[in-house]
C-alpha atoms as a PDB file:
ATOM      1  CA  UNK A   1       0.000   0.000   0.000  1.00  0.00           C
ATOM      2  CA  UNK A   2       1.445   3.354  -0.952  1.00  0.00           C
ATOM      3  CA  UNK A   3       1.468   6.169   1.542  1.00  0.00           C
ATOM      4  CA  UNK A   4      -0.908   8.313  -0.523  1.00  0.00           C
ATOM      5  CA  UNK A   5      -3.731   5.848   0.293  1.00  0.00           C
ATOM      6  CA  UNK A   6      -3.648   7.217   3.837  1.00  0.00           C
ATOM      7  CA  UNK A   7      -3.333  10.873   2.914  1.00  0.00           C
ATOM      8  CA  UNK A   8      -6.597  11.572   4.753  1.00  0.00           C
ATOM      9  CA  UNK A   9      -5.476   9.892   7.972  1.00  0.00           C
ATOM     10  CA  UNK A  10      -6.210  12.092  10.989  1.00  0.00           C
ATOM     11  CA  UNK A  11      -3.221  12.073  13.302  1.00  0.00           C
ATOM     12  CA  UNK A  12      -0.971  14.315  15.308  1.00  0.00           C
ATOM     13  CA  UNK A  13       2.373  14.142  17.023  1.00  0.00           C
ATOM     14  CA  UNK A  14       5.319  16.124  18.344  1.00  0.00           C
ATOM     15  CA  UNK A  15       5.880  19.297  16.318  1.00  0.00           C
ATOM     16  CA  UNK A  16       9.239  19.779  18.018  1.00  0.00           C
ATOM     17  CA  UNK A  17      10.791  17.306  15.599  1.00  0.00           C
ATOM     18  CA  UNK A  18       9.955  19.391  12.536  1.00  0.00           C
ATOM     19  CA  UNK A  19      13.048  21.597  12.771  1.00  0.00           C
ATOM     20  CA  UNK A  20      15.515  18.910  13.823  1.00  0.00           C
ATOM     21  CA  UNK A  21      18.489  18.090  11.609  1.00  0.00           C
ATOM     22  CA  UNK A  22      18.430  15.386   8.948  1.00  0.00           C
ATOM     23  CA  UNK A  23      19.881  11.928   9.134  1.00  0.00           C
ATOM     24  CA  UNK A  24      20.076   9.078   6.642  1.00  0.00           C
ATOM     25  CA  UNK A  25      16.973   7.181   5.579  1.00  0.00           C
ATOM     26  CA  UNK A  26      15.748   4.214   7.568  1.00  0.00           C
ATOM     27  CA  UNK A  27      12.832   1.770   7.769  1.00  0.00           C
ATOM     28  CA  UNK A  28      10.030   2.325  10.265  1.00  0.00           C
ATOM     29  CA  UNK A  29       8.637  -1.067  11.296  1.00  0.00           C
ATOM     30  CA  UNK A  30       5.004  -1.506  12.328  1.00  0.00           C
ATOM     31  CA  UNK A  31       2.533  -4.330  13.001  1.00  0.00           C
ATOM     32  CA  UNK A  32       1.036  -5.142   9.633  1.00  0.00           C
ATOM     33  CA  UNK A  33      -0.464  -5.938   7.338  1.00  0.00           C
ATOM     34  CA  UNK A  34      -1.008  -2.759   5.380  1.00  0.00           C
ATOM     35  CA  UNK A  35      -4.124  -0.835   6.299  1.00  0.00           C
ATOM     36  CA  UNK A  36      -3.912  -1.312  10.073  1.00  0.00           C
ATOM     37  CA  UNK A  37      -4.269   1.607  12.455  1.00  0.00           C
ATOM     38  CA  UNK A  38      -0.595   1.049  13.264  1.00  0.00           C
ATOM     39  CA  UNK A  39       0.178   1.462   9.554  1.00  0.00           C
ATOM     40  CA  UNK A  40      -1.655   4.785   9.662  1.00  0.00           C
ATOM     41  CA  UNK A  41       0.415   5.744  12.705  1.00  0.00           C
ATOM     42  CA  UNK A  42       3.612   4.757  10.874  1.00  0.00           C
ATOM     43  CA  UNK A  43       2.668   6.953   7.916  1.00  0.00           C
ATOM     44  CA  UNK A  44       1.903   9.838  10.293  1.00  0.00           C
ATOM     45  CA  UNK A  45       5.211   9.295  12.109  1.00  0.00           C
ATOM     46  CA  UNK A  46       7.158   9.213   8.843  1.00  0.00           C
ATOM     47  CA  UNK A  47       5.738  12.638   8.002  1.00  0.00           C
ATOM     48  CA  UNK A  48       6.182  14.018  11.513  1.00  0.00           C
ATOM     49  CA  UNK A  49       9.811  12.875  11.715  1.00  0.00           C
ATOM     50  CA  UNK A  50      10.713  13.661   8.098  1.00  0.00           C
ATOM     51  CA  UNK A  51      13.262  16.246   9.203  1.00  0.00           C
ATOM     52  CA  UNK A  52      15.244  13.456  10.891  1.00  0.00           C
ATOM     53  CA  UNK A  53      15.497  11.409   7.702  1.00  0.00           C
ATOM     54  CA  UNK A  54      15.121  12.101   4.016  1.00  0.00           C
ATOM     55  CA  UNK A  55      13.165   8.908   3.468  1.00  0.00           C
ATOM     56  CA  UNK A  56      11.511   7.134   6.388  1.00  0.00           C
ATOM     57  CA  UNK A  57       9.846   4.060   4.908  1.00  0.00           C
ATOM     58  CA  UNK A  58       7.044   2.259   6.791  1.00  0.00           C
ATOM     59  CA  UNK A  59       7.701  -1.492   6.738  1.00  0.00           C
ATOM     60  CA  UNK A  60       5.106  -4.071   7.885  1.00  0.00           C
ATOM     61  CA  UNK A  61       5.998  -6.896  10.240  1.00  0.00           C
ATOM     62  CA  UNK A  62       3.941  -9.870  11.364  1.00  0.00           C
ATOM     63  CA  UNK A  63       4.372  -9.471  15.146  1.00  0.00           C
ATOM     64  CA  UNK A  64       5.333  -6.835  17.706  1.00  0.00           C
ATOM     65  CA  UNK A  65       8.320  -8.916  18.958  1.00  0.00           C
ATOM     66  CA  UNK A  66       9.721  -8.776  15.406  1.00  0.00           C
ATOM     67  CA  UNK A  67       9.240  -4.984  15.351  1.00  0.00           C
ATOM     68  CA  UNK A  68      11.087  -4.752  18.669  1.00  0.00           C
ATOM     69  CA  UNK A  69      13.884  -7.012  17.399  1.00  0.00           C
ATOM     70  CA  UNK A  70      14.482  -4.797  14.357  1.00  0.00           C
ATOM     71  CA  UNK A  71      14.809  -1.773  16.643  1.00  0.00           C
ATOM     72  CA  UNK A  72      17.024  -3.596  19.148  1.00  0.00           C
ATOM     73  CA  UNK A  73      19.351  -4.737  16.358  1.00  0.00           C
ATOM     74  CA  UNK A  74      19.715  -1.220  14.949  1.00  0.00           C
ATOM     75  CA  UNK A  75      17.881  -2.024  11.703  1.00  0.00           C
ATOM     76  CA  UNK A  76      15.440   0.877  11.945  1.00  0.00           C
ATOM     77  CA  UNK A  77      12.803   2.486  14.127  1.00  0.00           C
ATOM     78  CA  UNK A  78       9.481   0.991  15.205  1.00  0.00           C
ATOM     79  CA  UNK A  79       5.909   2.020  15.973  1.00  0.00           C
ATOM     80  CA  UNK A  80       3.688   0.284  18.530  1.00  0.00           C
ATOM     81  CA  UNK A  81       0.223   1.008  19.888  1.00  0.00           C
ATOM     82  CA  UNK A  82       0.465   2.294  23.443  1.00  0.00           C
ATOM     83  CA  UNK A  83      -2.839   3.557  24.821  1.00  0.00           C
ATOM     84  CA  UNK A  84      -6.422   3.835  23.652  1.00  0.00           C
ATOM     85  CA  UNK A  85      -8.913   6.213  25.244  1.00  0.00           C
ATOM     86  CA  UNK A  86     -11.589   3.505  25.260  1.00  0.00           C
ATOM     87  CA  UNK A  87      -9.730   0.307  26.198  1.00  0.00           C
ATOM     88  CA  UNK A  88      -6.726   1.820  27.995  1.00  0.00           C
ATOM     89  CA  UNK A  89      -3.136   0.631  27.725  1.00  0.00           C
ATOM     90  CA  UNK A  90      -2.199  -2.042  25.194  1.00  0.00           C
ATOM     91  CA  UNK A  91      -0.961  -4.356  27.926  1.00  0.00           C
ATOM     92  CA  UNK A  92       1.168  -6.791  25.864  1.00  0.00           C
ATOM     93  CA  UNK A  93       3.094  -3.867  24.373  1.00  0.00           C
ATOM     94  CA  UNK A  94       3.499  -2.274  27.791  1.00  0.00           C
ATOM     95  CA  UNK A  95       4.890  -5.517  29.196  1.00  0.00           C
ATOM     96  CA  UNK A  96       7.302  -5.873  26.272  1.00  0.00           C
ATOM     97  CA  UNK A  97       8.613  -2.349  26.830  1.00  0.00           C
ATOM     98  CA  UNK A  98       9.214  -3.095  30.515  1.00  0.00           C
ATOM     99  CA  UNK A  99      11.218  -6.196  29.542  1.00  0.00           C
ATOM    100  CA  UNK A 100      12.967  -4.792  26.443  1.00  0.00           C
ATOM    101  CA  UNK A 101      16.747  -4.760  26.743  1.00  0.00           C
ATOM    102  CA  UNK A 102      17.597  -2.016  24.219  1.00  0.00           C
ATOM    103  CA  UNK A 103      14.429  -0.258  23.033  1.00  0.00           C
ATOM    104  CA  UNK A 104      12.954   3.064  24.182  1.00  0.00           C
ATOM    105  CA  UNK A 105      10.233   5.421  22.936  1.00  0.00           C
ATOM    106  CA  UNK A 106      11.188   8.884  21.713  1.00  0.00           C
ATOM    107  CA  UNK A 107       8.007  10.276  20.086  1.00  0.00           C
ATOM    108  CA  UNK A 108       4.236  10.031  20.330  1.00  0.00           C
ATOM    109  CA  UNK A 109       1.787   9.946  17.438  1.00  0.00           C
ATOM    110  CA  UNK A 110      -2.006   9.816  17.758  1.00  0.00           C
ATOM    111  CA  UNK A 111      -4.557   8.352  15.335  1.00  0.00           C
ATOM    112  CA  UNK A 112      -8.337   8.707  15.433  1.00  0.00           C
ATOM    113  CA  UNK A 113      -9.959   5.272  15.535  1.00  0.00           C
ATOM    114  CA  UNK A 114     -13.045   4.662  13.371  1.00  0.00           C
ATOM    115  CA  UNK A 115     -14.257   1.156  12.507  1.00  0.00           C
ATOM    116  CA  UNK A 116     -16.199   0.012   9.461  1.00  0.00           C
ATOM    117  CA  UNK A 117     -17.706  -3.470   9.108  1.00  0.00           C
ATOM    118  CA  UNK A 118     -16.692  -5.485   6.047  1.00  0.00           C
ATOM    119  CA  UNK A 119     -17.723  -8.763   4.436  1.00  0.00           C
ATOM    120  CA  UNK A 120     -16.146 -10.656   1.534  1.00  0.00           C
ATOM    121  CA  UNK A 121     -17.048  -9.235  -1.856  1.00  0.00           C
ATOM    122  CA  UNK A 122     -20.408 -10.514  -3.038  1.00  0.00           C
ATOM    123  CA  UNK A 123     -21.215 -12.488   0.116  1.00  0.00           C
ATOM    124  CA  UNK A 124     -24.305 -10.392   0.900  1.00  0.00           C
ATOM    125  CA  UNK A 125     -25.714 -11.022  -2.591  1.00  0.00           C
ATOM    126  CA  UNK A 126     -25.084 -14.731  -2.109  1.00  0.00           C
ATOM    127  CA  UNK A 127     -27.143 -14.609   1.091  1.00  0.00           C
ATOM    128  CA  UNK A 128     -24.326 -15.781   3.342  1.00  0.00           C
ATOM    129  CA  UNK A 129     -25.403 -15.774   6.995  1.00  0.00           C
ATOM    130  CA  UNK A 130     -23.193 -13.817   9.382  1.00  0.00           C
ATOM    131  CA  UNK A 131     -21.828 -15.787  12.345  1.00  0.00           C
ATOM    132  CA  UNK A 132     -18.554 -14.238  13.539  1.00  0.00           C
ATOM    133  CA  UNK A 133     -16.955 -10.852  14.084  1.00  0.00           C
ATOM    134  CA  UNK A 134     -13.202 -10.767  13.603  1.00  0.00           C
ATOM    135  CA  UNK A 135     -10.747  -8.030  14.624  1.00  0.00           C
ATOM    136  CA  UNK A 136      -7.936  -7.349  17.063  1.00  0.00           C
ATOM    137  CA  UNK A 137      -9.185  -7.898  20.648  1.00  0.00           C
ATOM    138  CA  UNK A 138      -9.213  -4.136  21.247  1.00  0.00           C
ATOM    139  CA  UNK A 139     -11.226  -3.688  18.053  1.00  0.00           C
ATOM    140  CA  UNK A 140     -13.772  -6.284  19.134  1.00  0.00           C
ATOM    141  CA  UNK A 141     -14.065  -4.569  22.514  1.00  0.00           C
ATOM    142  CA  UNK A 142     -14.749  -1.221  20.853  1.00  0.00           C
ATOM    143  CA  UNK A 143     -17.590  -2.527  18.646  1.00  0.00           C
ATOM    144  CA  UNK A 144     -19.657  -4.483  21.173  1.00  0.00           C
ATOM    145  CA  UNK A 145     -23.006  -2.900  20.293  1.00  0.00           C
ATOM    146  CA  UNK A 146     -22.670  -3.773  16.619  1.00  0.00           C
ATOM    147  CA  UNK A 147     -21.587  -7.320  17.497  1.00  0.00           C
ATOM    148  CA  UNK A 148     -24.521  -7.773  19.883  1.00  0.00           C
ATOM    149  CA  UNK A 149     -27.009  -6.365  17.378  1.00  0.00           C
ATOM    150  CA  UNK A 150     -25.944  -8.962  14.802  1.00  0.00           C
ATOM    151  CA  UNK A 151     -25.602 -11.783  17.375  1.00  0.00           C
ATOM    152  CA  UNK A 152     -22.028 -12.524  16.326  1.00  0.00           C
ATOM    153  CA  UNK A 153     -19.464 -14.649  18.114  1.00  0.00           C
ATOM    154  CA  UNK A 154     -15.927 -13.304  18.518  1.00  0.00           C
ATOM    155  CA  UNK A 155     -12.906 -14.358  16.471  1.00  0.00           C
ATOM    156  CA  UNK A 156      -9.789 -12.436  17.594  1.00  0.00           C
ATOM    157  CA  UNK A 157      -7.126 -11.607  14.996  1.00  0.00           C
ATOM    158  CA  UNK A 158      -3.533 -10.378  15.306  1.00  0.00           C
ATOM    159  CA  UNK A 159      -4.582  -6.984  13.935  1.00  0.00           C
ATOM    160  CA  UNK A 160      -7.669  -5.317  12.492  1.00  0.00           C
ATOM    161  CA  UNK A 161      -6.091  -5.208   9.045  1.00  0.00           C
ATOM    162  CA  UNK A 162      -5.208  -8.915   9.257  1.00  0.00           C
ATOM    163  CA  UNK A 163      -8.854  -9.624  10.054  1.00  0.00           C
ATOM    164  CA  UNK A 164      -9.903  -7.714   6.936  1.00  0.00           C
ATOM    165  CA  UNK A 165      -7.277  -9.386   4.765  1.00  0.00           C
ATOM    166  CA  UNK A 166      -8.275 -12.884   5.930  1.00  0.00           C
ATOM    167  CA  UNK A 167     -12.052 -12.471   6.321  1.00  0.00           C
ATOM    168  CA  UNK A 168     -14.120 -15.458   5.120  1.00  0.00           C
ATOM    169  CA  UNK A 169     -17.751 -16.005   4.237  1.00  0.00           C
ATOM    170  CA  UNK A 170     -19.854 -15.875   7.397  1.00  0.00           C
ATOM    171  CA  UNK A 171     -17.503 -13.403   9.073  1.00  0.00           C
ATOM    172  CA  UNK A 172     -17.667  -9.643   9.552  1.00  0.00           C
ATOM    173  CA  UNK A 173     -14.271  -7.963   9.718  1.00  0.00           C
ATOM    174  CA  UNK A 174     -13.937  -4.733  11.715  1.00  0.00           C
ATOM    175  CA  UNK A 175     -11.225  -2.300  10.674  1.00  0.00           C
ATOM    176  CA  UNK A 176     -10.222   1.061   9.203  1.00  0.00           C
ATOM    177  CA  UNK A 177     -12.189   2.273   6.193  1.00  0.00           C
ATOM    178  CA  UNK A 178      -9.135   1.963   3.950  1.00  0.00           C
ATOM    179  CA  UNK A 179      -9.254  -1.843   4.321  1.00  0.00           C
ATOM    180  CA  UNK A 180     -12.346  -2.056   2.131  1.00  0.00           C
ATOM    181  CA  UNK A 181     -10.465  -0.660  -0.853  1.00  0.00           C
ATOM    182  CA  UNK A 182      -7.197  -2.369  -0.006  1.00  0.00           C
ATOM    183  CA  UNK A 183      -8.614  -5.898   0.344  1.00  0.00           C
ATOM    184  CA  UNK A 184     -11.543  -5.572  -2.117  1.00  0.00           C
ATOM    185  CA  UNK A 185     -14.280  -5.997   0.487  1.00  0.00           C
ATOM    186  CA  UNK A 186     -17.902  -4.914   0.632  1.00  0.00           C
ATOM    187  CA  UNK A 187     -18.765  -2.427   3.375  1.00  0.00           C
ATOM    188  CA  UNK A 188     -21.634  -3.690   5.503  1.00  0.00           C
ATOM    189  CA  UNK A 189     -21.833  -0.619   7.731  1.00  0.00           C
ATOM    190  CA  UNK A 190     -19.803   2.521   8.495  1.00  0.00           C
ATOM    191  CA  UNK A 191     -18.718   3.819  11.917  1.00  0.00           C
ATOM    192  CA  UNK A 192     -19.656   0.777  13.993  1.00  0.00           C
ATOM    193  CA  UNK A 193     -17.517   1.661  17.037  1.00  0.00           C
ATOM    194  CA  UNK A 194     -19.330   2.122  20.343  1.00  0.00           C
ATOM    195  CA  UNK A 195     -17.701   5.459  21.168  1.00  0.00           C
ATOM    196  CA  UNK A 196     -17.124   8.281  18.744  1.00  0.00           C
ATOM    197  CA  UNK A 197     -13.977  10.239  19.486  1.00  0.00           C
ATOM    198  CA  UNK A 198     -11.947   7.073  20.118  1.00  0.00           C
ATOM    199  CA  UNK A 199      -8.227   7.588  19.720  1.00  0.00           C
ATOM    200  CA  UNK A 200      -5.070   5.520  20.018  1.00  0.00           C
ATOM    201  CA  UNK A 201      -1.664   6.865  20.982  1.00  0.00           C
ATOM    202  CA  UNK A 202       1.411   5.163  19.538  1.00  0.00           C
ATOM    203  CA  UNK A 203       5.060   5.219  20.558  1.00  0.00           C
ATOM    204  CA  UNK A 204       7.884   5.575  18.044  1.00  0.00           C
ATOM    205  CA  UNK A 205      10.828   3.440  19.155  1.00  0.00           C
ATOM    206  CA  UNK A 206      14.592   3.620  18.711  1.00  0.00           C
ATOM    207  CA  UNK A 207      17.637   1.969  20.244  1.00  0.00           C
ATOM    208  CA  UNK A 208      18.275   3.253  23.743  1.00  0.00           C
ATOM    209  CA  UNK A 209      21.774   4.467  22.876  1.00  0.00           C
ATOM    210  CA  UNK A 210      20.405   6.540  19.964  1.00  0.00           C
ATOM    211  CA  UNK A 211      17.768   8.441  21.939  1.00  0.00           C
ATOM    212  CA  UNK A 212      20.074  10.920  23.751  1.00  0.00           C
ATOM    213  CA  UNK A 213      21.248  12.295  20.399  1.00  0.00           C
ATOM    214  CA  UNK A 214      17.663  12.529  19.137  1.00  0.00           C
ATOM    215  CA  UNK A 215      16.637  14.411  22.265  1.00  0.00           C
ATOM    216  CA  UNK A 216      19.697  16.652  21.925  1.00  0.00           C
ATOM    217  CA  UNK A 217      18.472  17.707  18.490  1.00  0.00           C
ATOM    218  CA  UNK A 218      15.055  18.538  19.892  1.00  0.00           C
ATOM    219  CA  UNK A 219      16.541  20.496  22.815  1.00  0.00           C
ATOM    220  CA  UNK A 220      18.832  22.388  20.439  1.00  0.00           C
ATOM    221  CA  UNK A 221      15.718  23.535  18.597  1.00  0.00           C
ATOM    222  CA  UNK A 222      14.508  25.205  21.805  1.00  0.00           C
ATOM    223  CA  UNK A 223      12.076  22.602  23.068  1.00  0.00           C
ATOM    224  CA  UNK A 224      12.212  22.414  26.852  1.00  0.00           C
ATOM    225  CA  UNK A 225       9.025  20.529  27.784  1.00  0.00           C
ATOM    226  CA  UNK A 226       9.117  16.733  27.831  1.00  0.00           C
ATOM    227  CA  UNK A 227       7.171  13.816  29.194  1.00  0.00           C
ATOM    228  CA  UNK A 228       8.601  10.550  30.461  1.00  0.00           C
ATOM    229  CA  UNK A 229       7.159   7.071  30.863  1.00  0.00           C
ATOM    230  CA  UNK A 230       9.064   5.346  33.626  1.00  0.00           C
ATOM    231  CA  UNK A 231       8.844   1.955  35.343  1.00  0.00           C
ATOM    232  CA  UNK A 232       9.552   1.269  39.027  1.00  0.00           C
ATOM    233  CA  UNK A 233       9.847  -2.037  40.880  1.00  0.00           C
ATOM    234  CA  UNK A 234      10.139  -1.773  44.671  1.00  0.00           C
ATOM    235  CA  UNK A 235      12.358  -4.627  45.810  1.00  0.00           C
ATOM    236  CA  UNK A 236      10.762  -4.668  49.232  1.00  0.00           C
ATOM    237  CA  UNK A 237       7.021  -5.229  49.544  1.00  0.00           C
ATOM    238  CA  UNK A 238       4.515  -4.555  52.281  1.00  0.00           C
ATOM    239  CA  UNK A 239       2.335  -1.763  53.700  1.00  0.00           C
ATOM    240  CA  UNK A 240       3.264   1.759  52.634  1.00  0.00           C
ATOM    241  CA  UNK A 241       5.733   0.864  49.876  1.00  0.00           C
ATOM    242  CA  UNK A 242       3.613   2.310  47.057  1.00  0.00           C
ATOM    243  CA  UNK A 243       2.531   5.307  49.148  1.00  0.00           C
ATOM    244  CA  UNK A 244       6.178   6.124  49.863  1.00  0.00           C
ATOM    245  CA  UNK A 245       7.009   6.020  46.150  1.00  0.00           C
ATOM    246  CA  UNK A 246       4.118   8.342  45.303  1.00  0.00           C
ATOM    247  CA  UNK A 247       5.156  10.703  48.109  1.00  0.00           C
ATOM    248  CA  UNK A 248       8.575  11.125  46.478  1.00  0.00           C
ATOM    249  CA  UNK A 249       6.955  12.116  43.165  1.00  0.00           C
ATOM    250  CA  UNK A 250       4.490  14.454  44.892  1.00  0.00           C
ATOM    251  CA  UNK A 251       7.099  16.162  47.048  1.00  0.00           C
ATOM    252  CA  UNK A 252       9.162  16.984  43.958  1.00  0.00           C
ATOM    253  CA  UNK A 253       6.167  18.822  42.460  1.00  0.00           C
ATOM    254  CA  UNK A 254       5.988  16.496  39.451  1.00  0.00           C
ATOM    255  CA  UNK A 255       2.779  16.322  37.425  1.00  0.00           C
ATOM    256  CA  UNK A 256       1.930  12.633  37.027  1.00  0.00           C
ATOM    257  CA  UNK A 257      -0.606  12.065  34.233  1.00  0.00           C
ATOM    258  CA  UNK A 258      -1.069   8.311  34.644  1.00  0.00           C
ATOM    259  CA  UNK A 259      -0.060   5.504  36.980  1.00  0.00           C
ATOM    260  CA  UNK A 260      -0.691   1.787  36.566  1.00  0.00           C
ATOM    261  CA  UNK A 261       0.591  -1.503  37.956  1.00  0.00           C
ATOM    262  CA  UNK A 262       1.575  -4.721  36.218  1.00  0.00           C
ATOM    263  CA  UNK A 263       2.213  -8.039  37.977  1.00  0.00           C
ATOM    264  CA  UNK A 264       5.669  -9.554  37.828  1.00  0.00           C
ATOM    265  CA  UNK A 265       4.616 -12.682  36.016  1.00  0.00           C
ATOM    266  CA  UNK A 266       4.440 -15.823  38.111  1.00  0.00           C
ATOM    267  CA  UNK A 267       5.301 -14.094  41.386  1.00  0.00           C
ATOM    268  CA  UNK A 268       2.200 -13.404  43.465  1.00  0.00           C
ATOM    269  CA  UNK A 269       2.133 -10.089  45.309  1.00  0.00           C
ATOM    270  CA  UNK A 270       4.940  -8.443  43.294  1.00  0.00           C
ATOM    271  CA  UNK A 271       4.375  -5.612  40.825  1.00  0.00           C
ATOM    272  CA  UNK A 272       6.014  -3.136  38.523  1.00  0.00           C
ATOM    273  CA  UNK A 273       4.548   0.374  38.475  1.00  0.00           C
ATOM    274  CA  UNK A 274       4.505   2.551  35.375  1.00  0.00           C
ATOM    275  CA  UNK A 275       4.086   6.327  35.608  1.00  0.00           C
ATOM    276  CA  UNK A 276       3.807   9.053  32.982  1.00  0.00           C
ATOM    277  CA  UNK A 277       5.358  12.290  34.244  1.00  0.00           C
ATOM    278  CA  UNK A 278       5.562  15.774  32.726  1.00  0.00           C
ATOM    279  CA  UNK A 279       9.331  16.119  33.004  1.00  0.00           C
ATOM    280  CA  UNK A 280      12.535  14.770  31.447  1.00  0.00           C
ATOM    281  CA  UNK A 281      14.923  12.483  33.340  1.00  0.00           C
ATOM    282  CA  UNK A 282      17.803  14.934  32.911  1.00  0.00           C
ATOM    283  CA  UNK A 283      15.890  17.855  34.437  1.00  0.00           C
ATOM    284  CA  UNK A 284      17.168  18.437  37.992  1.00  0.00           C
ATOM    285  CA  UNK A 285      13.916  17.982  39.940  1.00  0.00           C
ATOM    286  CA  UNK A 286      13.099  14.701  38.186  1.00  0.00           C
ATOM    287  CA  UNK A 287      16.683  13.479  38.236  1.00  0.00           C
ATOM    288  CA  UNK A 288      16.763  13.961  41.999  1.00  0.00           C
ATOM    289  CA  UNK A 289      13.637  11.812  42.328  1.00  0.00           C
ATOM    290  CA  UNK A 290      15.163   9.027  40.256  1.00  0.00           C
ATOM    291  CA  UNK A 291      18.369   9.253  42.269  1.00  0.00           C
ATOM    292  CA  UNK A 292      16.449   8.955  45.530  1.00  0.00           C
ATOM    293  CA  UNK A 293      14.472   5.929  44.325  1.00  0.00           C
ATOM    294  CA  UNK A 294      17.565   4.150  42.995  1.00  0.00           C
ATOM    295  CA  UNK A 295      19.531   4.833  46.184  1.00  0.00           C
ATOM    296  CA  UNK A 296      16.624   3.422  48.156  1.00  0.00           C
ATOM    297  CA  UNK A 297      17.357   0.122  46.441  1.00  0.00           C
ATOM    298  CA  UNK A 298      14.473   0.014  43.941  1.00  0.00           C
ATOM    299  CA  UNK A 299      14.626  -0.809  40.215  1.00  0.00           C
ATOM    300  CA  UNK A 300      13.999   2.077  37.772  1.00  0.00           C
ATOM    301  CA  UNK A 301      13.888   2.180  33.973  1.00  0.00           C
ATOM    302  CA  UNK A 302      12.866   4.909  31.525  1.00  0.00           C
ATOM    303  CA  UNK A 303      10.561   3.411  28.882  1.00  0.00           C
ATOM    304  CA  UNK A 304      10.069   6.571  26.816  1.00  0.00           C
ATOM    305  CA  UNK A 305      10.967  10.255  26.813  1.00  0.00           C
ATOM    306  CA  UNK A 306       9.236  12.486  24.279  1.00  0.00           C
ATOM    307  CA  UNK A 307       8.486  16.146  23.610  1.00  0.00           C
ATOM    308  CA  UNK A 308       5.442  16.989  25.678  1.00  0.00           C
ATOM    309  CA  UNK A 309       2.053  17.019  23.980  1.00  0.00           C
ATOM    310  CA  UNK A 310      -0.667  19.504  24.750  1.00  0.00           C
ATOM    311  CA  UNK A 311      -3.443  17.679  26.583  1.00  0.00           C
ATOM    312  CA  UNK A 312      -7.023  18.740  27.205  1.00  0.00           C
ATOM    313  CA  UNK A 313      -8.061  19.024  30.839  1.00  0.00           C
ATOM    314  CA  UNK A 314     -11.833  18.582  30.627  1.00  0.00           C
ATOM    315  CA  UNK A 315     -13.951  18.152  33.737  1.00  0.00           C
ATOM    316  CA  UNK A 316     -15.562  14.781  34.421  1.00  0.00           C
ATOM    317  CA  UNK A 317     -19.279  15.440  34.107  1.00  0.00           C
ATOM    318  CA  UNK A 318     -21.907  13.490  36.021  1.00  0.00           C
ATOM    319  CA  UNK A 319     -23.140  11.730  32.881  1.00  0.00           C
ATOM    320  CA  UNK A 320     -19.648  10.273  32.347  1.00  0.00           C
ATOM    321  CA  UNK A 321     -19.659   8.442  35.685  1.00  0.00           C
ATOM    322  CA  UNK A 322     -20.332   4.686  35.897  1.00  0.00           C
ATOM    323  CA  UNK A 323     -23.522   3.310  37.405  1.00  0.00           C
ATOM    324  CA  UNK A 324     -23.730   3.338  41.200  1.00  0.00           C
ATOM    325  CA  UNK A 325     -21.026   4.751  43.419  1.00  0.00           C
ATOM    326  CA  UNK A 326     -21.169   7.856  45.597  1.00  0.00           C
ATOM    327  CA  UNK A 327     -20.421  11.408  44.485  1.00  0.00           C
ATOM    328  CA  UNK A 328     -21.622  14.829  45.656  1.00  0.00           C
ATOM    329  CA  UNK A 329     -20.957  18.442  44.842  1.00  0.00           C
ATOM    330  CA  UNK A 330     -18.462  19.365  47.601  1.00  0.00           C
ATOM    331  CA  UNK A 331     -20.368  22.637  48.080  1.00  0.00           C
ATOM    332  CA  UNK A 332     -23.720  20.887  48.567  1.00  0.00           C
ATOM    333  CA  UNK A 333     -23.105  17.679  50.502  1.00  0.00           C
ATOM    334  CA  UNK A 334     -26.370  16.322  51.969  1.00  0.00           C
ATOM    335  CA  UNK A 335     -26.621  16.111  55.724  1.00  0.00           C
ATOM    336  CA  UNK A 336     -26.043  12.648  57.202  1.00  0.00           C
ATOM    337  CA  UNK A 337     -25.241  11.245  53.765  1.00  0.00           C
ATOM    338  CA  UNK A 338     -22.846   8.777  55.402  1.00  0.00           C
ATOM    339  CA  UNK A 339     -25.772   7.227  57.275  1.00  0.00           C
ATOM    340  CA  UNK A 340     -27.907   6.744  54.186  1.00  0.00           C
ATOM    341  CA  UNK A 341     -28.921   3.370  52.767  1.00  0.00           C
ATOM    342  CA  UNK A 342     -27.384   4.244  49.383  1.00  0.00           C
ATOM    343  CA  UNK A 343     -23.996   5.067  50.912  1.00  0.00           C
ATOM    344  CA  UNK A 344     -23.979   1.823  52.900  1.00  0.00           C
ATOM    345  CA  UNK A 345     -24.925  -0.134  49.780  1.00  0.00           C
ATOM    346  CA  UNK A 346     -22.319   1.425  47.497  1.00  0.00           C
ATOM    347  CA  UNK A 347     -19.439   1.685  49.966  1.00  0.00           C
ATOM    348  CA  UNK A 348     -20.215  -1.500  51.930  1.00  0.00           C
ATOM    349  CA  UNK A 349     -19.455   0.072  55.306  1.00  0.00           C
END
């Protein structure tokens, strides 16, 4: 698939790279096949980072571990899905970044996520009954209403584009609109995702030893605001360990935009913690935090450092809240609310 097929892709990224100096051309590996949302992200990244290379060429790969291996071996850069605003973090990719021995993120790129439903060409005219929905697990999770309406069973695929490429009679493939043209499919329905405004953020990856020079180019262009994704593993466990770690971040005045935990596989009660922080590891206030945590005896690893993106800070409105729970306007808290039946039911006290 040529890049001009995705000329209408809606995406954004780090403008700070636009004035950076050029370097020789290189492949940009992504989870294929062509037409996936990750392919769209790779095309966006190749445009966004064009000032770093005269010819960044998106290259499909069959698995994320193969993408990571190309980056680790110095054969090019990579793009992986990182976080979706409907389904959250892409956990397998997060785990691979924690474990990666020589791969780090250095740029973000965002892609709007819109799903169409496809069937093999001519299958509707042949009266083929629909039985299965096929897509990446995140894609299936984002189209639950459509799947329920058609009473379809789930058939996970390695990617949404792979589902479209391999769709068979009796299946509905869910994927980007470009897949219909690319794989000669009939469109059953447009915009079948549950939530409009869905968006996936991707990380652009390079070898760890190459990232300081890339960041130096960005800093030389006058960019001074960065964000870091960093992993911590406290080597001692027990009450207060996590609270103490968060206190160190708070006391340094760092703005933490997300914080999640991942189990250390096969070891009950042990976790790694991943934080996104609005600061760069070399900036004094953040460096002092990392120094304190390391000297405490804990494990620390930077997973990504990128020019900071502008983020919206919308309020959480009442209609966004899940069912149940307890929430009041702090300026109009009902008297004796803590003795109410609803509070006892929701809080189980």
